[in-house]
Amino acid sequence: MEPFQWVDLVVSVSLLFSFYSLLRLYMDKRSLVDLYFGLSALILLIGYVGHMVGIRFNNLIMNWSKLVSVTFYISGLLVLIRESKPVFARFPLYLTALPFVSILFFPLVIDFTVIKDLVNGIYQGGALIVSILVLTVNNVNEIGRRYYIAGLTLISISFLTYWVIFNRDMPDKIWISEILFAAGILLVLFRFIKSNSVRKTT
């Protein structure tokens, strides 16, 4: 296999494990958070597998998978925020689906590289910032928060190196961002599953 295919394989394995773990959580708890996060991992997995095997329109599929995946992830974060509030202060559940509206407009920019990258970058950056606030700041007293911090740090480095350095000037080094991303999501997933297990037993 080509070097980029090995990188795609590593990321795909991490996403497959993430989807499987989140699917098990969903089957056990029937939580909308786990469903959204699991679908996010699955959709991104489809993009990486398509890119790895070199199917037709693989770049188009990858672009779509990134946008749809981060949209599901943002909706999952909104559900997580909603569930962290007292019942009387929760916003309506249907509002967590608002990010999906953006998918309707993506076909208008898919052929414009700069705009497409800008949309993806804004969505990914926004999701990362909210993740940092929700998973670290809101869990400041939680044991094991260091896994969230370590994982989100790796993902932040991956995000910055990809969009600021590698995507434009050093595309042959993008694999570094991809590996950091894969390691980061596994660390975050480990702590997320552990937190769910603790809440289930208490």
Protein backbone atom coordinates (compact mmCIF):
# COMPACT_ATOMS: atom_id res chain seq x y z
CA MET A 1 0.00 0.00 0.00
CA GLU A 2 0.97 3.63 -0.49
CA PRO A 3 2.01 5.61 2.64
CA PHE A 4 -1.23 7.65 2.61
CA GLN A 5 -3.22 4.40 2.60
CA TRP A 6 -1.48 3.24 5.77
CA VAL A 7 -2.40 6.53 7.42
CA ASP A 8 -5.99 6.18 6.24
CA LEU A 9 -5.98 2.65 7.65
CA VAL A 10 -4.80 3.82 11.08
CA VAL A 11 -7.47 6.54 11.22
CA SER A 12 -10.10 4.11 9.91
CA VAL A 13 -9.30 1.57 12.63
CA SER A 14 -9.60 4.24 15.33
CA LEU A 15 -12.92 5.43 13.88
CA LEU A 16 -14.22 1.87 13.58
CA PHE A 17 -13.35 1.22 17.22
CA SER A 18 -15.02 4.50 18.18
CA PHE A 19 -18.19 3.62 16.27
CA TYR A 20 -18.32 0.13 17.79
CA SER A 21 -17.79 1.44 21.33
CA LEU A 22 -20.39 4.19 20.95
CA LEU A 23 -22.85 1.77 19.35
CA ARG A 24 -22.53 -0.50 22.39
CA LEU A 25 -23.15 2.49 24.65
CA TYR A 26 -26.22 3.46 22.64
CA MET A 27 -27.64 -0.07 22.70
CA ASP A 28 -27.17 -0.12 26.47
CA LYS A 29 -28.44 3.38 27.35
CA ARG A 30 -30.40 4.53 24.28
CA SER A 31 -28.79 7.94 24.65
CA LEU A 32 -29.08 10.40 21.77
CA VAL A 33 -25.58 11.66 22.58
CA ASP A 34 -24.06 8.24 21.93
CA LEU A 35 -26.11 7.88 18.74
CA TYR A 36 -24.97 11.22 17.33
CA PHE A 37 -21.33 10.64 18.23
CA GLY A 38 -21.44 7.10 16.87
CA LEU A 39 -22.94 8.19 13.56
CA SER A 40 -20.33 10.93 13.35
CA ALA A 41 -17.55 8.33 13.63
CA LEU A 42 -19.26 6.03 11.11
CA ILE A 43 -19.73 8.74 8.47
CA LEU A 44 -16.12 9.90 8.79
CA LEU A 45 -15.04 6.26 8.61
CA ILE A 46 -16.82 5.91 5.25
CA GLY A 47 -14.85 8.87 3.91
CA TYR A 48 -11.49 7.50 5.01
CA VAL A 49 -12.20 3.99 3.74
CA GLY A 50 -13.30 5.40 0.39
CA HIS A 51 -10.13 7.45 0.19
CA MET A 52 -7.98 4.49 1.21
CA VAL A 53 -9.32 2.07 -1.42
CA GLY A 54 -9.42 4.78 -4.09
CA ILE A 55 -13.05 4.50 -5.13
CA ARG A 56 -14.44 6.85 -7.73
CA PHE A 57 -15.13 10.39 -6.46
CA ASN A 58 -13.21 9.58 -3.26
CA ASN A 59 -12.28 13.24 -2.67
CA LEU A 60 -15.91 14.31 -3.02
CA ILE A 61 -16.99 11.56 -0.62
CA MET A 62 -14.31 12.62 1.85
CA ASN A 63 -15.42 16.26 1.71
CA TRP A 64 -19.04 15.31 2.31
CA SER A 65 -18.15 12.87 5.08
CA LYS A 66 -16.16 15.52 6.95
CA LEU A 67 -19.00 18.03 6.87
CA VAL A 68 -21.78 15.57 7.72
CA SER A 69 -19.65 13.95 10.42
CA VAL A 70 -18.86 17.23 12.18
CA THR A 71 -22.53 18.19 11.87
CA PHE A 72 -23.59 15.05 13.73
CA TYR A 73 -20.85 15.71 16.28
CA ILE A 74 -22.00 19.29 16.91
CA SER A 75 -25.58 18.05 17.34
CA GLY A 76 -24.27 15.51 19.85
CA LEU A 77 -22.53 18.29 21.77
CA LEU A 78 -25.80 20.26 21.85
CA VAL A 79 -27.57 17.22 23.31
CA LEU A 80 -24.77 16.85 25.87
CA ILE A 81 -25.12 20.51 26.85
CA ARG A 82 -28.90 20.15 27.08
CA GLU A 83 -28.65 17.08 29.33
CA SER A 84 -26.18 18.82 31.63
CA LYS A 85 -28.78 21.45 32.54
CA PRO A 86 -31.64 21.10 35.05
CA VAL A 87 -34.85 19.84 33.45
CA PHE A 88 -36.60 23.21 33.77
CA ALA A 89 -33.72 25.01 32.02
CA ARG A 90 -33.34 22.69 29.03
CA PHE A 91 -33.96 24.01 25.53
CA PRO A 92 -36.27 21.98 23.22
CA LEU A 93 -34.71 18.79 21.88
CA TYR A 94 -35.47 19.66 18.26
CA LEU A 95 -33.03 22.58 18.47
CA THR A 96 -30.16 20.08 18.63
CA ALA A 97 -30.91 19.22 14.98
CA LEU A 98 -30.41 22.80 13.74
CA PRO A 99 -26.81 22.15 12.54
CA PHE A 100 -28.18 19.78 9.89
CA VAL A 101 -29.65 22.76 8.04
CA SER A 102 -26.14 23.64 6.85
CA ILE A 103 -25.97 20.42 4.84
CA LEU A 104 -28.60 21.85 2.49
CA PHE A 105 -26.21 24.65 1.51
CA PHE A 106 -23.04 22.58 1.17
CA PRO A 107 -23.70 21.62 -2.50
CA LEU A 108 -23.49 25.34 -3.31
CA VAL A 109 -19.85 25.55 -2.13
CA ILE A 110 -18.54 22.02 -2.71
CA ASP A 111 -16.88 23.03 -5.99
CA PHE A 112 -15.18 26.10 -4.51
CA THR A 113 -12.10 24.91 -2.65
CA VAL A 114 -11.50 28.05 -0.58
CA ILE A 115 -15.12 28.38 0.57
CA LYS A 116 -15.45 24.64 1.17
CA ASP A 117 -12.30 24.60 3.31
CA LEU A 118 -13.48 27.69 5.17
CA VAL A 119 -16.82 26.08 6.03
CA ASN A 120 -15.16 22.84 7.14
CA GLY A 121 -12.53 24.72 9.13
CA ILE A 122 -15.10 26.87 10.93
CA TYR A 123 -17.26 23.86 11.77
CA GLN A 124 -14.32 21.81 13.00
CA GLY A 125 -12.86 24.70 14.99
CA GLY A 126 -16.23 25.48 16.56
CA ALA A 127 -16.75 21.83 17.49
CA LEU A 128 -13.28 21.71 19.02
CA ILE A 129 -13.82 24.84 21.13
CA VAL A 130 -17.18 23.60 22.41
CA SER A 131 -15.66 20.19 23.15
CA ILE A 132 -12.93 21.81 25.25
CA LEU A 133 -15.52 23.80 27.20
CA VAL A 134 -17.96 20.92 27.69
CA LEU A 135 -15.53 18.06 28.35
CA THR A 136 -12.87 19.84 30.43
CA VAL A 137 -14.31 23.00 31.99
CA ASN A 138 -17.63 21.36 32.90
CA ASN A 139 -15.81 18.32 34.32
CA VAL A 140 -13.24 20.26 36.31
CA ASN A 141 -13.75 18.10 39.41
CA GLU A 142 -13.98 14.79 37.59
CA ILE A 143 -11.27 12.19 38.19
CA GLY A 144 -9.50 11.29 34.97
CA ARG A 145 -10.10 14.65 33.31
CA ARG A 146 -6.47 14.53 32.18
CA TYR A 147 -7.49 12.08 29.44
CA TYR A 148 -9.88 14.67 28.05
CA ILE A 149 -7.16 17.31 28.26
CA ALA A 150 -4.54 15.08 26.60
CA GLY A 151 -6.90 13.94 23.85
CA LEU A 152 -8.23 17.40 23.08
CA THR A 153 -4.68 18.78 23.10
CA LEU A 154 -3.67 16.27 20.42
CA ILE A 155 -6.80 17.07 18.40
CA SER A 156 -6.10 20.81 18.75
CA ILE A 157 -2.54 20.35 17.49
CA SER A 158 -3.89 18.22 14.65
CA PHE A 159 -6.42 20.91 13.73
CA LEU A 160 -3.89 23.75 13.82
CA THR A 161 -1.16 21.92 11.92
CA TYR A 162 -3.60 20.74 9.26
CA TRP A 163 -5.27 24.06 8.53
CA VAL A 164 -2.38 26.44 9.22
CA ILE A 165 0.61 24.50 7.86
CA PHE A 166 0.08 21.22 6.06
CA ASN A 167 -3.11 21.72 4.05
CA ARG A 168 -1.62 24.46 1.88
CA ASP A 169 2.16 24.47 2.15
CA MET A 170 3.16 20.92 3.11
CA PRO A 171 0.49 18.45 1.93
CA ASP A 172 2.99 15.58 2.13
CA LYS A 173 3.05 16.06 5.93
CA ILE A 174 -0.71 15.85 6.46
CA TRP A 175 -0.22 12.33 7.82
CA ILE A 176 1.15 13.90 11.03
CA SER A 177 -2.14 15.69 11.63
CA GLU A 178 -4.08 12.52 10.83
CA ILE A 179 -2.14 10.39 13.33
CA LEU A 180 -2.50 13.03 16.04
CA PHE A 181 -6.23 13.16 15.34
CA ALA A 182 -6.59 9.37 15.60
CA ALA A 183 -4.68 9.27 18.91
CA GLY A 184 -6.68 12.20 20.27
CA ILE A 185 -10.11 10.74 19.59
CA LEU A 186 -9.11 7.44 21.19
CA LEU A 187 -8.03 9.22 24.39
CA VAL A 188 -11.23 11.27 24.51
CA LEU A 189 -13.32 8.19 23.76
CA PHE A 190 -11.63 6.23 26.54
CA ARG A 191 -12.55 8.88 29.12
CA PHE A 192 -16.04 9.39 27.68
CA ILE A 193 -16.83 5.67 27.98
CA LYS A 194 -15.34 5.57 31.48
CA SER A 195 -17.49 8.53 32.54
CA ASN A 196 -20.60 6.83 31.19
CA SER A 197 -19.74 3.65 33.09
CA VAL A 198 -19.33 5.59 36.33
CA ARG A 199 -22.66 7.38 35.85
CA LYS A 200 -24.35 4.07 35.11
CA THR A 201 -23.13 2.44 38.34
CA THR A 202 -23.96 5.41 40.59
